[in-house]
Amino acid sequence: MVTLNEIPKDAKIQYPCRWTYKIVVISNQKIESIIKSVIGQREFKVTTSKKSKKGKYTSYNLDLLVHNDDDRKTLYEEFKKIDTVKIVL
């Protein structure tokens, strides 16, 4: 297992590449609608990851193609702006 401390700070990401975001939302939300509101018509794959113990939150893995560093960071920031999204990783 690799820890963040073992990843070189000068590591380069080769774009375009597949990127996976972990998105935690309030459980009664329609995740596909949330995703499409941010990424539009791009192709993506979303899978359920986990539910919280009390069922209030659900986490999903969102896999899609990002074109460059700005694209990756912009998507992250746009997901963070949505009220029903509690965490984006």
PDB file of N, CA and C in Angstrom:
ATOM      1  N   MET A   1       0.842  -1.177   0.000  1.00  0.00           N
ATOM      2  CA  MET A   1       0.000   0.000   0.000  1.00  0.00           C
ATOM      3  C   MET A   1       0.884   1.237   0.000  1.00  0.00           C
ATOM      4  N   VAL A   2       0.572   2.199  -0.840  1.00  0.00           N
ATOM      5  CA  VAL A   2       1.335   3.437  -0.933  1.00  0.00           C
ATOM      6  C   VAL A   2       0.630   4.515  -0.131  1.00  0.00           C
ATOM      7  N   THR A   3       1.383   5.225   0.702  1.00  0.00           N
ATOM      8  CA  THR A   3       0.808   6.345   1.448  1.00  0.00           C
ATOM      9  C   THR A   3       1.117   7.642   0.711  1.00  0.00           C
ATOM     10  N   LEU A   4       0.389   8.685   1.067  1.00  0.00           N
ATOM     11  CA  LEU A   4       0.606   9.975   0.415  1.00  0.00           C
ATOM     12  C   LEU A   4       2.032  10.477   0.612  1.00  0.00           C
ATOM     13  N   ASN A   5       2.652  10.128   1.722  1.00  0.00           N
ATOM     14  CA  ASN A   5       4.019  10.556   1.981  1.00  0.00           C
ATOM     15  C   ASN A   5       5.019   9.921   1.020  1.00  0.00           C
ATOM     16  N   GLU A   6       4.643   8.792   0.411  1.00  0.00           N
ATOM     17  CA  GLU A   6       5.541   8.089  -0.498  1.00  0.00           C
ATOM     18  C   GLU A   6       5.433   8.570  -1.936  1.00  0.00           C
ATOM     19  N   ILE A   7       4.396   9.355  -2.246  1.00  0.00           N
ATOM     20  CA  ILE A   7       4.220   9.850  -3.612  1.00  0.00           C
ATOM     21  C   ILE A   7       5.121  11.067  -3.792  1.00  0.00           C
ATOM     22  N   PRO A   8       5.988  11.053  -4.800  1.00  0.00           N
ATOM     23  CA  PRO A   8       6.884  12.202  -5.010  1.00  0.00           C
ATOM     24  C   PRO A   8       6.090  13.465  -5.316  1.00  0.00           C
ATOM     25  N   LYS A   9       6.534  14.580  -4.757  1.00  0.00           N
ATOM     26  CA  LYS A   9       5.837  15.852  -4.983  1.00  0.00           C
ATOM     27  C   LYS A   9       5.926  16.297  -6.432  1.00  0.00           C
ATOM     28  N   ASP A  10       6.905  15.832  -7.157  1.00  0.00           N
ATOM     29  CA  ASP A  10       7.052  16.227  -8.556  1.00  0.00           C
ATOM     30  C   ASP A  10       6.414  15.214  -9.509  1.00  0.00           C
ATOM     31  N   ALA A  11       5.561  14.313  -8.956  1.00  0.00           N
ATOM     32  CA  ALA A  11       4.874  13.328  -9.800  1.00  0.00           C
ATOM     33  C   ALA A  11       3.968  14.058 -10.782  1.00  0.00           C
ATOM     34  N   LYS A  12       3.968  13.619 -12.001  1.00  0.00           N
ATOM     35  CA  LYS A  12       3.169  14.246 -13.055  1.00  0.00           C
ATOM     36  C   LYS A  12       2.025  13.332 -13.446  1.00  0.00           C
ATOM     37  N   ILE A  13       0.860  13.922 -13.636  1.00  0.00           N
ATOM     38  CA  ILE A  13      -0.297  13.175 -14.131  1.00  0.00           C
ATOM     39  C   ILE A  13      -0.306  13.332 -15.639  1.00  0.00           C
ATOM     40  N   GLN A  14      -0.432  12.240 -16.347  1.00  0.00           N
ATOM     41  CA  GLN A  14      -0.471  12.263 -17.807  1.00  0.00           C
ATOM     42  C   GLN A  14      -1.921  12.426 -18.254  1.00  0.00           C
ATOM     43  N   TYR A  15      -2.224  13.533 -18.903  1.00  0.00           N
ATOM     44  CA  TYR A  15      -3.585  13.816 -19.383  1.00  0.00           C
ATOM     45  C   TYR A  15      -3.685  13.564 -20.868  1.00  0.00           C
ATOM     46  N   PRO A  16      -4.876  13.247 -21.371  1.00  0.00           N
ATOM     47  CA  PRO A  16      -6.098  12.945 -20.629  1.00  0.00           C
ATOM     48  C   PRO A  16      -5.968  11.614 -19.899  1.00  0.00           C
ATOM     49  N   CYS A  17      -6.726  11.472 -18.808  1.00  0.00           N
ATOM     50  CA  CYS A  17      -6.691  10.234 -18.037  1.00  0.00           C
ATOM     51  C   CYS A  17      -8.032  10.013 -17.352  1.00  0.00           C
ATOM     52  N   ARG A  18      -8.251   8.776 -16.934  1.00  0.00           N
ATOM     53  CA  ARG A  18      -9.444   8.460 -16.149  1.00  0.00           C
ATOM     54  C   ARG A  18      -9.196   8.954 -14.730  1.00  0.00           C
ATOM     55  N   TRP A  19     -10.207   9.559 -14.123  1.00  0.00           N
ATOM     56  CA  TRP A  19     -10.078  10.065 -12.767  1.00  0.00           C
ATOM     57  C   TRP A  19     -11.291   9.616 -11.977  1.00  0.00           C
ATOM     58  N   THR A  20     -11.085   9.260 -10.721  1.00  0.00           N
ATOM     59  CA  THR A  20     -12.191   8.841  -9.867  1.00  0.00           C
ATOM     60  C   THR A  20     -12.348   9.817  -8.713  1.00  0.00           C
ATOM     61  N   TYR A  21     -13.543  10.357  -8.594  1.00  0.00           N
ATOM     62  CA  TYR A  21     -13.917  11.207  -7.469  1.00  0.00           C
ATOM     63  C   TYR A  21     -14.774  10.371  -6.530  1.00  0.00           C
ATOM     64  N   LYS A  22     -14.590  10.562  -5.249  1.00  0.00           N
ATOM     65  CA  LYS A  22     -15.482   9.984  -4.244  1.00  0.00           C
ATOM     66  C   LYS A  22     -16.414  11.119  -3.846  1.00  0.00           C
ATOM     67  N   ILE A  23     -17.718  10.896  -4.008  1.00  0.00           N
ATOM     68  CA  ILE A  23     -18.709  11.931  -3.715  1.00  0.00           C
ATOM     69  C   ILE A  23     -19.670  11.393  -2.669  1.00  0.00           C
ATOM     70  N   VAL A  24     -19.810  12.124  -1.561  1.00  0.00           N
ATOM     71  CA  VAL A  24     -20.724  11.738  -0.486  1.00  0.00           C
ATOM     72  C   VAL A  24     -21.900  12.709  -0.515  1.00  0.00           C
ATOM     73  N   VAL A  25     -23.110  12.142  -0.624  1.00  0.00           N
ATOM     74  CA  VAL A  25     -24.317  12.963  -0.706  1.00  0.00           C
ATOM     75  C   VAL A  25     -25.341  12.489   0.325  1.00  0.00           C
ATOM     76  N   ILE A  26     -26.330  13.345   0.575  1.00  0.00           N
ATOM     77  CA  ILE A  26     -27.465  12.948   1.395  1.00  0.00           C
ATOM     78  C   ILE A  26     -28.178  11.821   0.652  1.00  0.00           C
ATOM     79  N   SER A  27     -28.546  10.772   1.347  1.00  0.00           N
ATOM     80  CA  SER A  27     -29.002   9.531   0.721  1.00  0.00           C
ATOM     81  C   SER A  27     -30.203   9.636  -0.209  1.00  0.00           C
ATOM     82  N   ASN A  28     -31.097  10.549  -0.016  1.00  0.00           N
ATOM     83  CA  ASN A  28     -32.292  10.585  -0.861  1.00  0.00           C
ATOM     84  C   ASN A  28     -32.088  11.380  -2.153  1.00  0.00           C
ATOM     85  N   GLN A  29     -30.873  11.752  -2.477  1.00  0.00           N
ATOM     86  CA  GLN A  29     -30.578  12.537  -3.672  1.00  0.00           C
ATOM     87  C   GLN A  29     -30.349  11.641  -4.880  1.00  0.00           C
ATOM     88  N   LYS A  30     -30.696  12.149  -6.053  1.00  0.00           N
ATOM     89  CA  LYS A  30     -30.472  11.404  -7.297  1.00  0.00           C
ATOM     90  C   LYS A  30     -29.070  11.736  -7.802  1.00  0.00           C
ATOM     91  N   ILE A  31     -28.149  10.822  -7.590  1.00  0.00           N
ATOM     92  CA  ILE A  31     -26.739  11.070  -7.887  1.00  0.00           C
ATOM     93  C   ILE A  31     -26.510  11.362  -9.372  1.00  0.00           C
ATOM     94  N   GLU A  32     -27.224  10.688 -10.251  1.00  0.00           N
ATOM     95  CA  GLU A  32     -27.003  10.917 -11.685  1.00  0.00           C
ATOM     96  C   GLU A  32     -27.381  12.340 -12.075  1.00  0.00           C
ATOM     97  N   SER A  33     -28.429  12.892 -11.490  1.00  0.00           N
ATOM     98  CA  SER A  33     -28.818  14.280 -11.764  1.00  0.00           C
ATOM     99  C   SER A  33     -27.755  15.248 -11.267  1.00  0.00           C
ATOM    100  N   ILE A  34     -27.217  14.965 -10.102  1.00  0.00           N
ATOM    101  CA  ILE A  34     -26.159  15.816  -9.546  1.00  0.00           C
ATOM    102  C   ILE A  34     -24.943  15.796 -10.474  1.00  0.00           C
ATOM    103  N   ILE A  35     -24.541  14.613 -10.887  1.00  0.00           N
ATOM    104  CA  ILE A  35     -23.368  14.476 -11.747  1.00  0.00           C
ATOM    105  C   ILE A  35     -23.582  15.197 -13.080  1.00  0.00           C
ATOM    106  N   LYS A  36     -24.724  14.960 -13.704  1.00  0.00           N
ATOM    107  CA  LYS A  36     -24.990  15.579 -15.005  1.00  0.00           C
ATOM    108  C   LYS A  36     -25.079  17.094 -14.913  1.00  0.00           C
ATOM    109  N   SER A  37     -25.492  17.632 -13.762  1.00  0.00           N
ATOM    110  CA  SER A  37     -25.550  19.084 -13.601  1.00  0.00           C
ATOM    111  C   SER A  37     -24.156  19.706 -13.629  1.00  0.00           C
ATOM    112  N   VAL A  38     -23.147  18.912 -13.295  1.00  0.00           N
ATOM    113  CA  VAL A  38     -21.767  19.405 -13.295  1.00  0.00           C
ATOM    114  C   VAL A  38     -21.043  19.057 -14.594  1.00  0.00           C
ATOM    115  N   ILE A  39     -21.179  17.824 -15.063  1.00  0.00           N
ATOM    116  CA  ILE A  39     -20.357  17.393 -16.202  1.00  0.00           C
ATOM    117  C   ILE A  39     -21.076  17.434 -17.540  1.00  0.00           C
ATOM    118  N   GLY A  40     -22.377  17.698 -17.516  1.00  0.00           N
ATOM    119  CA  GLY A  40     -23.123  17.777 -18.773  1.00  0.00           C
ATOM    120  C   GLY A  40     -23.243  16.420 -19.446  1.00  0.00           C
ATOM    121  N   GLN A  41     -22.899  16.367 -20.728  1.00  0.00           N
ATOM    122  CA  GLN A  41     -23.097  15.163 -21.532  1.00  0.00           C
ATOM    123  C   GLN A  41     -21.884  14.228 -21.570  1.00  0.00           C
ATOM    124  N   ARG A  42     -20.880  14.484 -20.768  1.00  0.00           N
ATOM    125  CA  ARG A  42     -19.710  13.607 -20.753  1.00  0.00           C
ATOM    126  C   ARG A  42     -20.101  12.197 -20.329  1.00  0.00           C
ATOM    127  N   GLU A  43     -19.336  11.231 -20.823  1.00  0.00           N
ATOM    128  CA  GLU A  43     -19.540   9.851 -20.401  1.00  0.00           C
ATOM    129  C   GLU A  43     -18.938   9.673 -19.011  1.00  0.00           C
ATOM    130  N   PHE A  44     -19.611   8.869 -18.202  1.00  0.00           N
ATOM    131  CA  PHE A  44     -19.115   8.608 -16.849  1.00  0.00           C
ATOM    132  C   PHE A  44     -19.632   7.263 -16.374  1.00  0.00           C
ATOM    133  N   LYS A  45     -19.009   6.789 -15.323  1.00  0.00           N
ATOM    134  CA  LYS A  45     -19.469   5.568 -14.652  1.00  0.00           C
ATOM    135  C   LYS A  45     -19.574   5.909 -13.167  1.00  0.00           C
ATOM    136  N   VAL A  46     -20.708   5.608 -12.584  1.00  0.00           N
ATOM    137  CA  VAL A  46     -20.885   5.853 -11.156  1.00  0.00           C
ATOM    138  C   VAL A  46     -21.279   4.552 -10.477  1.00  0.00           C
ATOM    139  N   THR A  47     -20.632   4.282  -9.350  1.00  0.00           N
ATOM    140  CA  THR A  47     -20.939   3.091  -8.565  1.00  0.00           C
ATOM    141  C   THR A  47     -21.126   3.491  -7.111  1.00  0.00           C
ATOM    142  N   THR A  48     -22.032   2.795  -6.449  1.00  0.00           N
ATOM    143  CA  THR A  48     -22.242   3.046  -5.027  1.00  0.00           C
ATOM    144  C   THR A  48     -21.059   2.476  -4.260  1.00  0.00           C
ATOM    145  N   SER A  49     -20.571   3.258  -3.320  1.00  0.00           N
ATOM    146  CA  SER A  49     -19.440   2.817  -2.518  1.00  0.00           C
ATOM    147  C   SER A  49     -19.926   2.298  -1.163  1.00  0.00           C
ATOM    148  N   LYS A  50     -20.468   3.198  -0.336  1.00  0.00           N
ATOM    149  CA  LYS A  50     -20.924   2.815   1.006  1.00  0.00           C
ATOM    150  C   LYS A  50     -22.095   3.685   1.429  1.00  0.00           C
ATOM    151  N   LYS A  51     -22.818   3.208   2.439  1.00  0.00           N
ATOM    152  CA  LYS A  51     -23.849   4.000   3.097  1.00  0.00           C
ATOM    153  C   LYS A  51     -23.404   4.197   4.539  1.00  0.00           C
ATOM    154  N   SER A  52     -23.775   5.336   5.105  1.00  0.00           N
ATOM    155  CA  SER A  52     -23.441   5.576   6.504  1.00  0.00           C
ATOM    156  C   SER A  52     -24.243   4.616   7.385  1.00  0.00           C
ATOM    157  N   LYS A  53     -23.800   4.433   8.619  1.00  0.00           N
ATOM    158  CA  LYS A  53     -24.449   3.484   9.529  1.00  0.00           C
ATOM    159  C   LYS A  53     -25.940   3.758   9.691  1.00  0.00           C
ATOM    160  N   LYS A  54     -26.299   5.015   9.812  1.00  0.00           N
ATOM    161  CA  LYS A  54     -27.706   5.366  10.011  1.00  0.00           C
ATOM    162  C   LYS A  54     -28.430   5.614   8.688  1.00  0.00           C
ATOM    163  N   GLY A  55     -27.720   5.477   7.569  1.00  0.00           N
ATOM    164  CA  GLY A  55     -28.351   5.611   6.263  1.00  0.00           C
ATOM    165  C   GLY A  55     -28.582   7.030   5.787  1.00  0.00           C
ATOM    166  N   LYS A  56     -28.017   8.004   6.483  1.00  0.00           N
ATOM    167  CA  LYS A  56     -28.235   9.405   6.118  1.00  0.00           C
ATOM    168  C   LYS A  56     -27.433   9.803   4.872  1.00  0.00           C
ATOM    169  N   TYR A  57     -26.256   9.207   4.701  1.00  0.00           N
ATOM    170  CA  TYR A  57     -25.373   9.563   3.586  1.00  0.00           C
ATOM    171  C   TYR A  57     -25.015   8.325   2.763  1.00  0.00           C
ATOM    172  N   THR A  58     -24.793   8.568   1.481  1.00  0.00           N
ATOM    173  CA  THR A  58     -24.319   7.519   0.585  1.00  0.00           C
ATOM    174  C   THR A  58     -23.106   8.053  -0.158  1.00  0.00           C
ATOM    175  N   SER A  59     -22.078   7.220  -0.290  1.00  0.00           N
ATOM    176  CA  SER A  59     -20.897   7.637  -1.054  1.00  0.00           C
ATOM    177  C   SER A  59     -20.871   6.879  -2.373  1.00  0.00           C
ATOM    178  N   TYR A  60     -20.382   7.577  -3.386  1.00  0.00           N
ATOM    179  CA  TYR A  60     -20.316   7.034  -4.737  1.00  0.00           C
ATOM    180  C   TYR A  60     -18.919   7.249  -5.294  1.00  0.00           C
ATOM    181  N   ASN A  61     -18.513   6.373  -6.209  1.00  0.00           N
ATOM    182  CA  ASN A  61     -17.295   6.561  -6.985  1.00  0.00           C
ATOM    183  C   ASN A  61     -17.715   7.012  -8.375  1.00  0.00           C
ATOM    184  N   LEU A  62     -17.214   8.156  -8.783  1.00  0.00           N
ATOM    185  CA  LEU A  62     -17.492   8.695 -10.105  1.00  0.00           C
ATOM    186  C   LEU A  62     -16.218   8.597 -10.922  1.00  0.00           C
ATOM    187  N   ASP A  63     -16.270   7.849 -12.009  1.00  0.00           N
ATOM    188  CA  ASP A  63     -15.118   7.658 -12.892  1.00  0.00           C
ATOM    189  C   ASP A  63     -15.405   8.321 -14.233  1.00  0.00           C
ATOM    190  N   LEU A  64     -14.509   9.214 -14.661  1.00  0.00           N
ATOM    191  CA  LEU A  64     -14.666   9.867 -15.954  1.00  0.00           C
ATOM    192  C   LEU A  64     -13.317  10.324 -16.482  1.00  0.00           C
ATOM    193  N   LEU A  65     -13.313  10.722 -17.741  1.00  0.00           N
ATOM    194  CA  LEU A  65     -12.097  11.200 -18.391  1.00  0.00           C
ATOM    195  C   LEU A  65     -11.930  12.684 -18.088  1.00  0.00           C
ATOM    196  N   VAL A  66     -10.758  13.051 -17.561  1.00  0.00           N
ATOM    197  CA  VAL A  66     -10.435  14.467 -17.383  1.00  0.00           C
ATOM    198  C   VAL A  66      -9.357  14.827 -18.400  1.00  0.00           C
ATOM    199  N   HIS A  67      -9.471  16.029 -18.938  1.00  0.00           N
ATOM    200  CA  HIS A  67      -8.620  16.422 -20.054  1.00  0.00           C
ATOM    201  C   HIS A  67      -7.311  17.093 -19.645  1.00  0.00           C
ATOM    202  N   ASN A  68      -7.334  17.765 -18.504  1.00  0.00           N
ATOM    203  CA  ASN A  68      -6.129  18.437 -18.024  1.00  0.00           C
ATOM    204  C   ASN A  68      -6.306  18.767 -16.538  1.00  0.00           C
ATOM    205  N   ASP A  69      -5.285  19.349 -15.947  1.00  0.00           N
ATOM    206  CA  ASP A  69      -5.308  19.654 -14.523  1.00  0.00           C
ATOM    207  C   ASP A  69      -6.420  20.633 -14.175  1.00  0.00           C
ATOM    208  N   ASP A  70      -6.625  21.654 -15.005  1.00  0.00           N
ATOM    209  CA  ASP A  70      -7.689  22.626 -14.748  1.00  0.00           C
ATOM    210  C   ASP A  70      -9.062  21.964 -14.784  1.00  0.00           C
ATOM    211  N   ASP A  71      -9.271  21.089 -15.731  1.00  0.00           N
ATOM    212  CA  ASP A  71     -10.534  20.359 -15.852  1.00  0.00           C
ATOM    213  C   ASP A  71     -10.785  19.549 -14.584  1.00  0.00           C
ATOM    214  N   ARG A  72      -9.795  18.827 -14.122  1.00  0.00           N
ATOM    215  CA  ARG A  72      -9.916  17.997 -12.913  1.00  0.00           C
ATOM    216  C   ARG A  72     -10.262  18.845 -11.691  1.00  0.00           C
ATOM    217  N   LYS A  73      -9.565  19.950 -11.528  1.00  0.00           N
ATOM    218  CA  LYS A  73      -9.786  20.817 -10.363  1.00  0.00           C
ATOM    219  C   LYS A  73     -11.119  21.555 -10.446  1.00  0.00           C
ATOM    220  N   THR A  74     -11.500  21.968 -11.639  1.00  0.00           N
ATOM    221  CA  THR A  74     -12.774  22.668 -11.821  1.00  0.00           C
ATOM    222  C   THR A  74     -13.944  21.759 -11.469  1.00  0.00           C
ATOM    223  N   LEU A  75     -13.909  20.517 -11.915  1.00  0.00           N
ATOM    224  CA  LEU A  75     -14.973  19.578 -11.580  1.00  0.00           C
ATOM    225  C   LEU A  75     -15.068  19.395 -10.064  1.00  0.00           C
ATOM    226  N   TYR A  76     -13.934  19.248  -9.430  1.00  0.00           N
ATOM    227  CA  TYR A  76     -13.899  19.113  -7.968  1.00  0.00           C
ATOM    228  C   TYR A  76     -14.580  20.306  -7.297  1.00  0.00           C
ATOM    229  N   GLU A  77     -14.224  21.505  -7.717  1.00  0.00           N
ATOM    230  CA  GLU A  77     -14.791  22.722  -7.127  1.00  0.00           C
ATOM    231  C   GLU A  77     -16.288  22.830  -7.397  1.00  0.00           C
ATOM    232  N   GLU A  78     -16.732  22.448  -8.583  1.00  0.00           N
ATOM    233  CA  GLU A  78     -18.153  22.511  -8.917  1.00  0.00           C
ATOM    234  C   GLU A  78     -18.966  21.526  -8.075  1.00  0.00           C
ATOM    235  N   PHE A  79     -18.450  20.338  -7.833  1.00  0.00           N
ATOM    236  CA  PHE A  79     -19.156  19.385  -6.980  1.00  0.00           C
ATOM    237  C   PHE A  79     -19.238  19.909  -5.547  1.00  0.00           C
ATOM    238  N   LYS A  80     -18.190  20.560  -5.062  1.00  0.00           N
ATOM    239  CA  LYS A  80     -18.181  21.094  -3.704  1.00  0.00           C
ATOM    240  C   LYS A  80     -19.244  22.167  -3.499  1.00  0.00           C
ATOM    241  N   LYS A  81     -19.636  22.877  -4.552  1.00  0.00           N
ATOM    242  CA  LYS A  81     -20.617  23.964  -4.455  1.00  0.00           C
ATOM    243  C   LYS A  81     -22.049  23.473  -4.246  1.00  0.00           C
ATOM    244  N   ILE A  82     -22.316  22.213  -4.526  1.00  0.00           N
ATOM    245  CA  ILE A  82     -23.688  21.688  -4.453  1.00  0.00           C
ATOM    246  C   ILE A  82     -24.053  21.400  -2.990  1.00  0.00           C
ATOM    247  N   ASP A  83     -25.188  21.943  -2.549  1.00  0.00           N
ATOM    248  CA  ASP A  83     -25.600  21.835  -1.157  1.00  0.00           C
ATOM    249  C   ASP A  83     -25.761  20.409  -0.654  1.00  0.00           C
ATOM    250  N   THR A  84     -26.273  19.518  -1.495  1.00  0.00           N
ATOM    251  CA  THR A  84     -26.525  18.145  -1.054  1.00  0.00           C
ATOM    252  C   THR A  84     -25.277  17.264  -1.112  1.00  0.00           C
ATOM    253  N   VAL A  85     -24.207  17.789  -1.673  1.00  0.00           N
ATOM    254  CA  VAL A  85     -22.917  17.078  -1.668  1.00  0.00           C
ATOM    255  C   VAL A  85     -22.182  17.469  -0.408  1.00  0.00           C
ATOM    256  N   LYS A  86     -21.897  16.484   0.427  1.00  0.00           N
ATOM    257  CA  LYS A  86     -21.252  16.768   1.711  1.00  0.00           C
ATOM    258  C   LYS A  86     -19.735  16.687   1.643  1.00  0.00           C
ATOM    259  N   ILE A  87     -19.208  15.756   0.834  1.00  0.00           N
ATOM    260  CA  ILE A  87     -17.748  15.582   0.720  1.00  0.00           C
ATOM    261  C   ILE A  87     -17.408  15.202  -0.706  1.00  0.00           C
ATOM    262  N   VAL A  88     -16.312  15.763  -1.215  1.00  0.00           N
ATOM    263  CA  VAL A  88     -15.748  15.364  -2.503  1.00  0.00           C
ATOM    264  C   VAL A  88     -14.277  15.062  -2.272  1.00  0.00           C
ATOM    265  N   LEU A  89     -13.853  13.905  -2.710  1.00  0.00           N
ATOM    266  CA  LEU A  89     -12.438  13.534  -2.602  1.00  0.00           C
ATOM    267  C   LEU A  89     -11.919  13.177  -3.969  1.00  0.00           C
TER     268      LEU A  89
END
